[in-house]
Each structure stands twice: as C-alpha cells, then as structure tokens.
C-alpha cells in the first residue's frame, strides 16, 4: 500500500466495508458534508449571472467587477495555508461550521453594500470562509468515506457540480429581482448548511480529529518539496487562469440578461457535475490520470481559443461555455484525485498546498481578463487564457517522470 493512502482521521477497514464500497453507501457525516458542499458552491454560481447588473447599477467597469473574483480567490489562496493548522486544533466539524458562519456573515453584508469597493472587500471575507470550508470538506469526505479515496473524491466533485449547476439558476431568478438577492440568498442557504452539519455530523468525529497531530503553518510549504505536488499545483494555477477567465469574463460578452446567464451556466454546471462523476473515472481507468488530464486541458484550451476567435458570435460563446463544463468536470476530478495521491503527506496538508497555488491563478485571471479587454479587444482575454491552459499541459508532460506514479497508486485503499 502506498504511503499516500493515509487519512486525516484513522479508521478501521473490514472486509465487509471493502465489499460494500458503493458510492451511495456512506455514513451520515459524509452526506452532511456533501449537502453543505452543494450549498457552499452554490455561492460561486449564484453571483455569476449578476456580474453585468452589478457593473451597471454600481457604475463600475468590467475590470472592477471582476475584482469580486480576484479578492475572493486571493484571500482563499492565502487562507488555504492556515486551514490545516486551524482544523487540527478546532477539529473538522467546527472548522467546517466556522467557515459556513463566515460565508453567511460576509455574503449578507455584501447584499447590503452600496459600493463596488466595499463589495470587493466583503468578497474577500467570503473567500476566507470558503477556504476554511473547502479544504476541510475535501479532507472530511475522503477520511470519513467507506468507499476509498477515488470514490470519495467523485462524491466531493459531484457536490461541487450540483452546487455550481443549481446556483446560476437560483442566482438568475434572484438577480432578476435585484443584484442583492443572490448575496442574501447565499447567507440564507449557509444557515441551512450550518444546521445540517450541527445535527448530522457526529461529535465523535470532531473529538477524533482533535486528537490528531497539530499541524504547523509551515507544513503546506514543506509539502511542496515533493515535486509531484508542486507540479500539480503550478499546473492548476495555469489552468485556473483559463477557468476563471471563462467564469468571470464570459458573462460580459454573451449579451444575456440575468435569467439567460443563469440558464447558460446551469447547462455548464450540469455537464460539470455529470462528467465529474460518470466519465472522469472511466477516462482514468482507460487512459490513465495524466493522459486524460492532458487531453481535457488541451480541449479546454481549444474551446477558449474558439471563444477568442468568435467572440462577437453569441451562439458560439454560449455553446463553448456549456461544453467547457464537460471538460472542466472531467479535469477537476482527475487532478484532485492525482493530488490526493501525489505525496506522502496528510491529505488536508496536500489539499492546502495545492489549493494555495491553484487559487493564485484564480486570483490573477479575472482582473487581468477585464483589463486586457479594456486595453486591447474583447477577444484578448480568451486567447490569453487559452495560452495559459496550453502551458499547463506542456508543463505537466515536461515533468511527467515526477507525476507518473499517481497512475500506479491503487486508489480506494
């Protein structure tokens, strides 16, 4: 058994649990975190359909509005470095709850703000809460699941996909009433998630997790000495440049209202959810993790390039955004699985180190996309994004000898 198969929370594994490692046969605690993940990731999709409305009603430029993603991702990137330290002291349950409370408070305050810069600052606070929740949720699902690492990650990605797909529909509906609606909607949903975790997540799990070795602030940096984890982190930062260019900038060139944007990103999120659960494992089994990642990222780069060439053709942009959901769903599951099996460190530490790097890309891309469009042409952000994604593919294959072992790890043990 690989040393990468250690978990945050020790558990015994019986033959019956191995035989019954069905994706849907999970403890209640897993479903509590799963449900909270859906609501947490609704927040990302809820906001997307109202970006043009925020720009219009707060008299902000496109690049200023994209700072809502930049501040969010920048704070998340830095905060990821402290998630392990906090969770090892508070325990997984209370770290998740703390994250949810922070998200609820800052999203509610955002709904009552009256200026773009206030809103940008509050989104940063939202990012802090999301960092505590996201990194801990992944570690919680992987460690609590009785189905093994691969299936647990599929479950986690499915929750993300469901949240991202349902979020835009709700965001479009609330946003059509007022741009403040989605912010207040997130706060309300976070209260529901809070109650769900408080009731369904067992106290024993929190007690067990606090008995674990307390991690240091330096642990994520120490984890990056493993070349495989560093490679995946840098590749994810490059790939996320394209991801958040599409997410933060595409709404401005589609020419749709809040309802229309909600439906487009609903289609995007549905494909993301389906592929992350159904097709990603099949691609992994048939072609291997690294080859499959390379193929998905190459196709994504081509989609962004097509968006750059036909920016003024509405149906191309809409179709490209929706189709990109399938590629992103596959790649998210593939790269998350690879990271969890890339280095002999605690999964929470690996997640923190990897997420720090990938959210740096997510922080730089939105504002850069907005400024590139203002300085050059509306097509430029997509072409630059395509270039970054293509570089991520080249980087992975240049370092293939450092990461090829993830295909040799027997997942699920």
Foldseek 3Di string as FASTA:
>chain_A
DDLLQDALFDDDADPVLAVVLDLPPFALLLVLLLLLLLLLLLLLQLQLLCLVVCCVQQVHALLLSLLLQQLLLQLLLLLLLCLLLVCLAQPLLVLQLQLLQQLLVLLLVLLVDRHSVSNSVSSNSNSNSVSSNVLSSLSCQQRRRSNFNLSSLLSSQLSSLNSQLVSLQQSLVLVVVPSSRSSNVSSVSSVVSSVSSVPRNDPVNRVSSNPDDRDDSCLLVVQVVQVQLVLLLQLLLLLLLLVLLLRSQLSVLLPDHSNVSSNLSSLLSVLLSCLLNPVLVVCCVPPNLLVLLLVLLLVLLVLLLQCLVPSNDNVSSSVSSNVNSNSNSNNVSSSLLLQSRQGSDHSSSSSSNSSSRNSNSSNPNSSVLSVCCVVPNNSVSSNVSSVSSNVSSVSCVVCVVSRVCSSVDPTRD
